Amino acid sequence: MPRTGEPPKARPQDYADLFESDPRGALILEDLVARFGGNPYVRGGVEAARETDYRAGQLRVVSYILDQINRANGAEVSDDVEAR
């Protein structure tokens, strides 16, 4: 139970329940993966590098959601953003 004043923290099972068990969540996850789950690389100069970084940030959010679902299903996932 969180201490008073601390916001609740979502557990991996919460992600799995929302995005796998609820048909609306599954539809939303499918949409997020289609929109933001592709290769973030953009060929070119400085502006392309900025766009690549922007797309990589979007991809990281989708990857985090998928990592949480995988954790809930017992898969081992790297902890590179667990503490954030």
PDB file of N, CA and C in Angstrom:
ATOM      1  N   MET A   1       0.853  -1.184   0.000  1.00  0.00           N
ATOM      2  CA  MET A   1       0.000   0.000   0.000  1.00  0.00           C
ATOM      3  C   MET A   1       0.892   1.239   0.000  1.00  0.00           C
ATOM      4  N   PRO A   2       0.648   2.208  -0.918  1.00  0.00           N
ATOM      5  CA  PRO A   2       1.491   3.411  -0.957  1.00  0.00           C
ATOM      6  C   PRO A   2       1.304   4.263   0.292  1.00  0.00           C
ATOM      7  N   ARG A   3       2.391   4.940   0.678  1.00  0.00           N
ATOM      8  CA  ARG A   3       2.300   5.864   1.799  1.00  0.00           C
ATOM      9  C   ARG A   3       1.422   7.049   1.409  1.00  0.00           C
ATOM     10  N   THR A   4       0.905   7.708   2.420  1.00  0.00           N
ATOM     11  CA  THR A   4       0.055   8.869   2.182  1.00  0.00           C
ATOM     12  C   THR A   4       0.807   9.904   1.359  1.00  0.00           C
ATOM     13  N   GLY A   5       0.174  10.432   0.351  1.00  0.00           N
ATOM     14  CA  GLY A   5       0.779  11.451  -0.494  1.00  0.00           C
ATOM     15  C   GLY A   5       1.523  10.910  -1.697  1.00  0.00           C
ATOM     16  N   GLU A   6       1.805   9.616  -1.724  1.00  0.00           N
ATOM     17  CA  GLU A   6       2.490   9.025  -2.874  1.00  0.00           C
ATOM     18  C   GLU A   6       1.463   8.585  -3.911  1.00  0.00           C
ATOM     19  N   PRO A   7       1.725   8.897  -5.179  1.00  0.00           N
ATOM     20  CA  PRO A   7       0.780   8.442  -6.208  1.00  0.00           C
ATOM     21  C   PRO A   7       0.852   6.927  -6.361  1.00  0.00           C
ATOM     22  N   PRO A   8      -0.257   6.297  -6.720  1.00  0.00           N
ATOM     23  CA  PRO A   8      -0.229   4.856  -6.926  1.00  0.00           C
ATOM     24  C   PRO A   8       0.676   4.502  -8.105  1.00  0.00           C
ATOM     25  N   LYS A   9       1.308   3.341  -8.030  1.00  0.00           N
ATOM     26  CA  LYS A   9       2.213   2.900  -9.088  1.00  0.00           C
ATOM     27  C   LYS A   9       1.586   1.709  -9.810  1.00  0.00           C
ATOM     28  N   ALA A  10       1.552   1.787 -11.123  1.00  0.00           N
ATOM     29  CA  ALA A  10       0.998   0.700 -11.919  1.00  0.00           C
ATOM     30  C   ALA A  10       1.939  -0.498 -11.885  1.00  0.00           C
ATOM     31  N   ARG A  11       1.373  -1.675 -11.735  1.00  0.00           N
ATOM     32  CA  ARG A  11       2.135  -2.920 -11.733  1.00  0.00           C
ATOM     33  C   ARG A  11       2.113  -3.510 -13.140  1.00  0.00           C
ATOM     34  N   PRO A  12       3.077  -4.375 -13.457  1.00  0.00           N
ATOM     35  CA  PRO A  12       3.045  -5.035 -14.767  1.00  0.00           C
ATOM     36  C   PRO A  12       1.705  -5.710 -15.055  1.00  0.00           C
ATOM     37  N   GLN A  13       1.101  -6.318 -14.028  1.00  0.00           N
ATOM     38  CA  GLN A  13      -0.192  -6.982 -14.248  1.00  0.00           C
ATOM     39  C   GLN A  13      -1.273  -5.984 -14.652  1.00  0.00           C
ATOM     40  N   ASP A  14      -1.183  -4.754 -14.167  1.00  0.00           N
ATOM     41  CA  ASP A  14      -2.146  -3.719 -14.564  1.00  0.00           C
ATOM     42  C   ASP A  14      -2.069  -3.454 -16.074  1.00  0.00           C
ATOM     43  N   TYR A  15      -0.837  -3.420 -16.589  1.00  0.00           N
ATOM     44  CA  TYR A  15      -0.648  -3.222 -18.030  1.00  0.00           C
ATOM     45  C   TYR A  15      -1.241  -4.390 -18.810  1.00  0.00           C
ATOM     46  N   ALA A  16      -0.970  -5.606 -18.343  1.00  0.00           N
ATOM     47  CA  ALA A  16      -1.498  -6.793 -19.026  1.00  0.00           C
ATOM     48  C   ALA A  16      -3.024  -6.815 -18.985  1.00  0.00           C
ATOM     49  N   ASP A  17      -3.591  -6.489 -17.840  1.00  0.00           N
ATOM     50  CA  ASP A  17      -5.056  -6.478 -17.723  1.00  0.00           C
ATOM     51  C   ASP A  17      -5.672  -5.476 -18.688  1.00  0.00           C
ATOM     52  N   LEU A  18      -5.087  -4.294 -18.749  1.00  0.00           N
ATOM     53  CA  LEU A  18      -5.634  -3.244 -19.606  1.00  0.00           C
ATOM     54  C   LEU A  18      -5.448  -3.537 -21.089  1.00  0.00           C
ATOM     55  N   PHE A  19      -4.217  -3.914 -21.473  1.00  0.00           N
ATOM     56  CA  PHE A  19      -3.899  -4.013 -22.900  1.00  0.00           C
ATOM     57  C   PHE A  19      -4.092  -5.402 -23.493  1.00  0.00           C
ATOM     58  N   GLU A  20      -4.285  -6.428 -22.666  1.00  0.00           N
ATOM     59  CA  GLU A  20      -4.530  -7.767 -23.198  1.00  0.00           C
ATOM     60  C   GLU A  20      -5.944  -8.259 -22.912  1.00  0.00           C
ATOM     61  N   SER A  21      -6.438  -8.015 -21.716  1.00  0.00           N
ATOM     62  CA  SER A  21      -7.745  -8.556 -21.325  1.00  0.00           C
ATOM     63  C   SER A  21      -8.911  -7.708 -21.801  1.00  0.00           C
ATOM     64  N   ASP A  22      -8.734  -6.409 -21.827  1.00  0.00           N
ATOM     65  CA  ASP A  22      -9.800  -5.500 -22.255  1.00  0.00           C
ATOM     66  C   ASP A  22      -9.696  -5.305 -23.767  1.00  0.00           C
ATOM     67  N   PRO A  23     -10.728  -5.636 -24.520  1.00  0.00           N
ATOM     68  CA  PRO A  23     -10.661  -5.485 -25.983  1.00  0.00           C
ATOM     69  C   PRO A  23     -10.346  -4.056 -26.422  1.00  0.00           C
ATOM     70  N   ARG A  24     -10.806  -3.065 -25.667  1.00  0.00           N
ATOM     71  CA  ARG A  24     -10.495  -1.674 -26.012  1.00  0.00           C
ATOM     72  C   ARG A  24      -9.016  -1.395 -25.827  1.00  0.00           C
ATOM     73  N   GLY A  25      -8.438  -1.927 -24.763  1.00  0.00           N
ATOM     74  CA  GLY A  25      -7.011  -1.754 -24.523  1.00  0.00           C
ATOM     75  C   GLY A  25      -6.172  -2.419 -25.594  1.00  0.00           C
ATOM     76  N   ALA A  26      -6.603  -3.617 -26.013  1.00  0.00           N
ATOM     77  CA  ALA A  26      -5.881  -4.322 -27.077  1.00  0.00           C
ATOM     78  C   ALA A  26      -5.926  -3.519 -28.375  1.00  0.00           C
ATOM     79  N   LEU A  27      -7.071  -2.917 -28.662  1.00  0.00           N
ATOM     80  CA  LEU A  27      -7.211  -2.090 -29.861  1.00  0.00           C
ATOM     81  C   LEU A  27      -6.319  -0.848 -29.778  1.00  0.00           C
ATOM     82  N   ILE A  28      -6.279  -0.232 -28.611  1.00  0.00           N
ATOM     83  CA  ILE A  28      -5.434   0.948 -28.419  1.00  0.00           C
ATOM     84  C   ILE A  28      -3.963   0.584 -28.552  1.00  0.00           C
ATOM     85  N   LEU A  29      -3.552  -0.536 -27.950  1.00  0.00           N
ATOM     86  CA  LEU A  29      -2.157  -0.954 -28.059  1.00  0.00           C
ATOM     87  C   LEU A  29      -1.792  -1.241 -29.512  1.00  0.00           C
ATOM     88  N   GLU A  30      -2.680  -1.888 -30.226  1.00  0.00           N
ATOM     89  CA  GLU A  30      -2.436  -2.151 -31.651  1.00  0.00           C
ATOM     90  C   GLU A  30      -2.239  -0.841 -32.413  1.00  0.00           C
ATOM     91  N   ASP A  31      -3.055   0.154 -32.108  1.00  0.00           N
ATOM     92  CA  ASP A  31      -2.936   1.463 -32.751  1.00  0.00           C
ATOM     93  C   ASP A  31      -1.611   2.137 -32.383  1.00  0.00           C
ATOM     94  N   LEU A  32      -1.226   2.088 -31.103  1.00  0.00           N
ATOM     95  CA  LEU A  32       0.038   2.690 -30.673  1.00  0.00           C
ATOM     96  C   LEU A  32       1.235   2.037 -31.362  1.00  0.00           C
ATOM     97  N   VAL A  33       1.219   0.707 -31.445  1.00  0.00           N
ATOM     98  CA  VAL A  33       2.319   0.002 -32.101  1.00  0.00           C
ATOM     99  C   VAL A  33       2.371   0.378 -33.583  1.00  0.00           C
ATOM    100  N   ALA A  34       1.214   0.463 -34.239  1.00  0.00           N
ATOM    101  CA  ALA A  34       1.187   0.822 -35.660  1.00  0.00           C
ATOM    102  C   ALA A  34       1.692   2.252 -35.886  1.00  0.00           C
ATOM    103  N   ARG A  35       1.337   3.167 -34.991  1.00  0.00           N
ATOM    104  CA  ARG A  35       1.729   4.569 -35.156  1.00  0.00           C
ATOM    105  C   ARG A  35       3.170   4.853 -34.752  1.00  0.00           C
ATOM    106  N   PHE A  36       3.620   4.233 -33.653  1.00  0.00           N
ATOM    107  CA  PHE A  36       4.892   4.631 -33.049  1.00  0.00           C
ATOM    108  C   PHE A  36       5.894   3.491 -32.905  1.00  0.00           C
ATOM    109  N   GLY A  37       5.555   2.293 -33.364  1.00  0.00           N
ATOM    110  CA  GLY A  37       6.395   1.135 -33.121  1.00  0.00           C
ATOM    111  C   GLY A  37       7.384   0.803 -34.214  1.00  0.00           C
ATOM    112  N   GLY A  38       7.451   1.604 -35.248  1.00  0.00           N
ATOM    113  CA  GLY A  38       8.351   1.310 -36.359  1.00  0.00           C
ATOM    114  C   GLY A  38       9.783   1.739 -36.105  1.00  0.00           C
ATOM    115  N   ASN A  39      10.609   1.521 -37.096  1.00  0.00           N
ATOM    116  CA  ASN A  39      12.010   1.926 -37.037  1.00  0.00           C
ATOM    117  C   ASN A  39      12.083   3.451 -36.940  1.00  0.00           C
ATOM    118  N   PRO A  40      12.723   3.989 -35.902  1.00  0.00           N
ATOM    119  CA  PRO A  40      12.747   5.434 -35.723  1.00  0.00           C
ATOM    120  C   PRO A  40      13.754   6.170 -36.612  1.00  0.00           C
ATOM    121  N   TYR A  41      14.653   5.446 -37.261  1.00  0.00           N
ATOM    122  CA  TYR A  41      15.741   6.087 -38.008  1.00  0.00           C
ATOM    123  C   TYR A  41      15.232   6.882 -39.207  1.00  0.00           C
ATOM    124  N   VAL A  42      15.732   8.117 -39.333  1.00  0.00           N
ATOM    125  CA  VAL A  42      15.474   8.971 -40.484  1.00  0.00           C
ATOM    126  C   VAL A  42      16.834   9.349 -41.062  1.00  0.00           C
ATOM    127  N   ARG A  43      17.044   9.063 -42.322  1.00  0.00           N
ATOM    128  CA  ARG A  43      18.315   9.345 -42.978  1.00  0.00           C
ATOM    129  C   ARG A  43      18.439  10.840 -43.283  1.00  0.00           C
ATOM    130  N   GLY A  44      19.640  11.375 -43.086  1.00  0.00           N
ATOM    131  CA  GLY A  44      19.860  12.774 -43.416  1.00  0.00           C
ATOM    132  C   GLY A  44      20.802  13.447 -42.439  1.00  0.00           C
ATOM    133  N   GLY A  45      20.682  14.755 -42.371  1.00  0.00           N
ATOM    134  CA  GLY A  45      21.581  15.564 -41.558  1.00  0.00           C
ATOM    135  C   GLY A  45      21.051  15.812 -40.162  1.00  0.00           C
ATOM    136  N   VAL A  46      21.293  17.041 -39.691  1.00  0.00           N
ATOM    137  CA  VAL A  46      20.952  17.413 -38.321  1.00  0.00           C
ATOM    138  C   VAL A  46      19.445  17.314 -38.072  1.00  0.00           C
ATOM    139  N   GLU A  47      18.649  17.803 -38.968  1.00  0.00           N
ATOM    140  CA  GLU A  47      17.196  17.745 -38.788  1.00  0.00           C
ATOM    141  C   GLU A  47      16.702  16.301 -38.765  1.00  0.00           C
ATOM    142  N   ALA A  48      17.310  15.459 -39.597  1.00  0.00           N
ATOM    143  CA  ALA A  48      16.937  14.044 -39.600  1.00  0.00           C
ATOM    144  C   ALA A  48      17.320  13.398 -38.269  1.00  0.00           C
ATOM    145  N   ALA A  49      18.464  13.786 -37.709  1.00  0.00           N
ATOM    146  CA  ALA A  49      18.874  13.255 -36.409  1.00  0.00           C
ATOM    147  C   ALA A  49      17.883  13.660 -35.328  1.00  0.00           C
ATOM    148  N   ARG A  50      17.403  14.879 -35.384  1.00  0.00           N
ATOM    149  CA  ARG A  50      16.400  15.336 -34.416  1.00  0.00           C
ATOM    150  C   ARG A  50      15.104  14.546 -34.567  1.00  0.00           C
ATOM    151  N   GLU A  51      14.700  14.302 -35.790  1.00  0.00           N
ATOM    152  CA  GLU A  51      13.483  13.517 -36.032  1.00  0.00           C
ATOM    153  C   GLU A  51      13.675  12.080 -35.557  1.00  0.00           C
ATOM    154  N   THR A  52      14.860  11.528 -35.781  1.00  0.00           N
ATOM    155  CA  THR A  52      15.161  10.176 -35.296  1.00  0.00           C
ATOM    156  C   THR A  52      15.041  10.130 -33.777  1.00  0.00           C
ATOM    157  N   ASP A  53      15.599  11.115 -33.094  1.00  0.00           N
ATOM    158  CA  ASP A  53      15.515  11.164 -31.632  1.00  0.00           C
ATOM    159  C   ASP A  53      14.059  11.268 -31.171  1.00  0.00           C
ATOM    160  N   TYR A  54      13.290  12.088 -31.841  1.00  0.00           N
ATOM    161  CA  TYR A  54      11.873  12.257 -31.500  1.00  0.00           C
ATOM    162  C   TYR A  54      11.130  10.938 -31.652  1.00  0.00           C
ATOM    163  N   ARG A  55      11.341  10.270 -32.771  1.00  0.00           N
ATOM    164  CA  ARG A  55      10.676   8.988 -33.017  1.00  0.00           C
ATOM    165  C   ARG A  55      11.141   7.910 -32.045  1.00  0.00           C
ATOM    166  N   ALA A  56      12.420   7.954 -31.677  1.00  0.00           N
ATOM    167  CA  ALA A  56      12.938   6.985 -30.703  1.00  0.00           C
ATOM    168  C   ALA A  56      12.253   7.173 -29.348  1.00  0.00           C
ATOM    169  N   GLY A  57      11.966   8.406 -28.992  1.00  0.00           N
ATOM    170  CA  GLY A  57      11.233   8.673 -27.752  1.00  0.00           C
ATOM    171  C   GLY A  57       9.831   8.099 -27.789  1.00  0.00           C
ATOM    172  N   GLN A  58       9.167   8.242 -28.915  1.00  0.00           N
ATOM    173  CA  GLN A  58       7.831   7.665 -29.060  1.00  0.00           C
ATOM    174  C   GLN A  58       7.884   6.142 -28.976  1.00  0.00           C
ATOM    175  N   LEU A  59       8.869   5.562 -29.639  1.00  0.00           N
ATOM    176  CA  LEU A  59       9.035   4.110 -29.629  1.00  0.00           C
ATOM    177  C   LEU A  59       9.296   3.606 -28.216  1.00  0.00           C
ATOM    178  N   ARG A  60      10.046   4.362 -27.426  1.00  0.00           N
ATOM    179  CA  ARG A  60      10.376   3.932 -26.067  1.00  0.00           C
ATOM    180  C   ARG A  60       9.130   3.784 -25.206  1.00  0.00           C
ATOM    181  N   VAL A  61       8.153   4.652 -25.400  1.00  0.00           N
ATOM    182  CA  VAL A  61       6.909   4.553 -24.629  1.00  0.00           C
ATOM    183  C   VAL A  61       6.186   3.249 -24.975  1.00  0.00           C
ATOM    184  N   VAL A  62       6.071   2.952 -26.256  1.00  0.00           N
ATOM    185  CA  VAL A  62       5.427   1.714 -26.689  1.00  0.00           C
ATOM    186  C   VAL A  62       6.215   0.512 -26.176  1.00  0.00           C
ATOM    187  N   SER A  63       7.532   0.581 -26.255  1.00  0.00           N
ATOM    188  CA  SER A  63       8.377  -0.514 -25.769  1.00  0.00           C
ATOM    189  C   SER A  63       8.199  -0.730 -24.271  1.00  0.00           C
ATOM    190  N   TYR A  64       8.052   0.343 -23.525  1.00  0.00           N
ATOM    191  CA  TYR A  64       7.842   0.228 -22.081  1.00  0.00           C
ATOM    192  C   TYR A  64       6.540  -0.511 -21.782  1.00  0.00           C
ATOM    193  N   ILE A  65       5.482  -0.146 -22.479  1.00  0.00           N
ATOM    194  CA  ILE A  65       4.193  -0.820 -22.285  1.00  0.00           C
ATOM    195  C   ILE A  65       4.332  -2.310 -22.596  1.00  0.00           C
ATOM    196  N   LEU A  66       4.967  -2.633 -23.715  1.00  0.00           N
ATOM    197  CA  LEU A  66       5.151  -4.035 -24.089  1.00  0.00           C
ATOM    198  C   LEU A  66       6.034  -4.767 -23.080  1.00  0.00           C
ATOM    199  N   ASP A  67       7.056  -4.105 -22.561  1.00  0.00           N
ATOM    200  CA  ASP A  67       7.902  -4.710 -21.535  1.00  0.00           C
ATOM    201  C   ASP A  67       7.094  -5.045 -20.282  1.00  0.00           C
ATOM    202  N   GLN A  68       6.226  -4.145 -19.871  1.00  0.00           N
ATOM    203  CA  GLN A  68       5.406  -4.397 -18.684  1.00  0.00           C
ATOM    204  C   GLN A  68       4.465  -5.581 -18.899  1.00  0.00           C
ATOM    205  N   ILE A  69       3.879  -5.670 -20.069  1.00  0.00           N
ATOM    206  CA  ILE A  69       3.006  -6.804 -20.392  1.00  0.00           C
ATOM    207  C   ILE A  69       3.818  -8.098 -20.369  1.00  0.00           C
ATOM    208  N   ASN A  70       4.997  -8.064 -20.948  1.00  0.00           N
ATOM    209  CA  ASN A  70       5.851  -9.248 -20.950  1.00  0.00           C
ATOM    210  C   ASN A  70       6.244  -9.655 -19.533  1.00  0.00           C
ATOM    211  N   ARG A  71       6.554  -8.691 -18.679  1.00  0.00           N
ATOM    212  CA  ARG A  71       6.869  -8.985 -17.274  1.00  0.00           C
ATOM    213  C   ARG A  71       5.694  -9.688 -16.601  1.00  0.00           C
ATOM    214  N   ALA A  72       4.502  -9.182 -16.835  1.00  0.00           N
ATOM    215  CA  ALA A  72       3.310  -9.783 -16.223  1.00  0.00           C
ATOM    216  C   ALA A  72       3.117 -11.219 -16.683  1.00  0.00           C
ATOM    217  N   ASN A  73       3.579 -11.520 -17.880  1.00  0.00           N
ATOM    218  CA  ASN A  73       3.437 -12.871 -18.424  1.00  0.00           C
ATOM    219  C   ASN A  73       4.655 -13.748 -18.139  1.00  0.00           C
ATOM    220  N   GLY A  74       5.559 -13.262 -17.284  1.00  0.00           N
ATOM    221  CA  GLY A  74       6.680 -14.065 -16.833  1.00  0.00           C
ATOM    222  C   GLY A  74       7.941 -13.988 -17.666  1.00  0.00           C
ATOM    223  N   ALA A  75       7.969 -13.120 -18.653  1.00  0.00           N
ATOM    224  CA  ALA A  75       9.181 -12.989 -19.487  1.00  0.00           C
ATOM    225  C   ALA A  75      10.212 -12.129 -18.764  1.00  0.00           C
ATOM    226  N   GLU A  76      11.491 -12.442 -18.991  1.00  0.00           N
ATOM    227  CA  GLU A  76      12.546 -11.596 -18.449  1.00  0.00           C
ATOM    228  C   GLU A  76      12.754 -10.411 -19.369  1.00  0.00           C
ATOM    229  N   VAL A  77      12.775  -9.222 -18.772  1.00  0.00           N
ATOM    230  CA  VAL A  77      12.907  -7.987 -19.533  1.00  0.00           C
ATOM    231  C   VAL A  77      13.989  -7.153 -18.870  1.00  0.00           C
ATOM    232  N   SER A  78      14.778  -6.434 -19.675  1.00  0.00           N
ATOM    233  CA  SER A  78      15.821  -5.582 -19.083  1.00  0.00           C
ATOM    234  C   SER A  78      15.182  -4.492 -18.233  1.00  0.00           C
ATOM    235  N   ASP A  79      15.893  -4.065 -17.220  1.00  0.00           N
ATOM    236  CA  ASP A  79      15.374  -3.064 -16.284  1.00  0.00           C
ATOM    237  C   ASP A  79      15.893  -1.662 -16.575  1.00  0.00           C
ATOM    238  N   ASP A  80      16.183  -1.334 -17.827  1.00  0.00           N
ATOM    239  CA  ASP A  80      16.815  -0.062 -18.141  1.00  0.00           C
ATOM    240  C   ASP A  80      15.977   1.158 -17.803  1.00  0.00           C
ATOM    241  N   VAL A  81      14.650   1.049 -17.726  1.00  0.00           N
ATOM    242  CA  VAL A  81      13.828   2.198 -17.365  1.00  0.00           C
ATOM    243  C   VAL A  81      12.914   1.897 -16.192  1.00  0.00           C
ATOM    244  N   GLU A  82      13.150   0.809 -15.512  1.00  0.00           N
ATOM    245  CA  GLU A  82      12.279   0.397 -14.408  1.00  0.00           C
ATOM    246  C   GLU A  82      12.198   1.448 -13.304  1.00  0.00           C
ATOM    247  N   ALA A  83      13.311   2.078 -12.983  1.00  0.00           N
ATOM    248  CA  ALA A  83      13.345   3.015 -11.856  1.00  0.00           C
ATOM    249  C   ALA A  83      12.814   4.393 -12.212  1.00  0.00           C
ATOM    250  N   ARG A  84      12.583   4.678 -13.458  1.00  0.00           N
ATOM    251  CA  ARG A  84      12.131   6.028 -13.841  1.00  0.00           C
ATOM    252  C   ARG A  84      10.677   6.227 -13.591  1.00  0.00           C
TER     253      ARG A  84
END
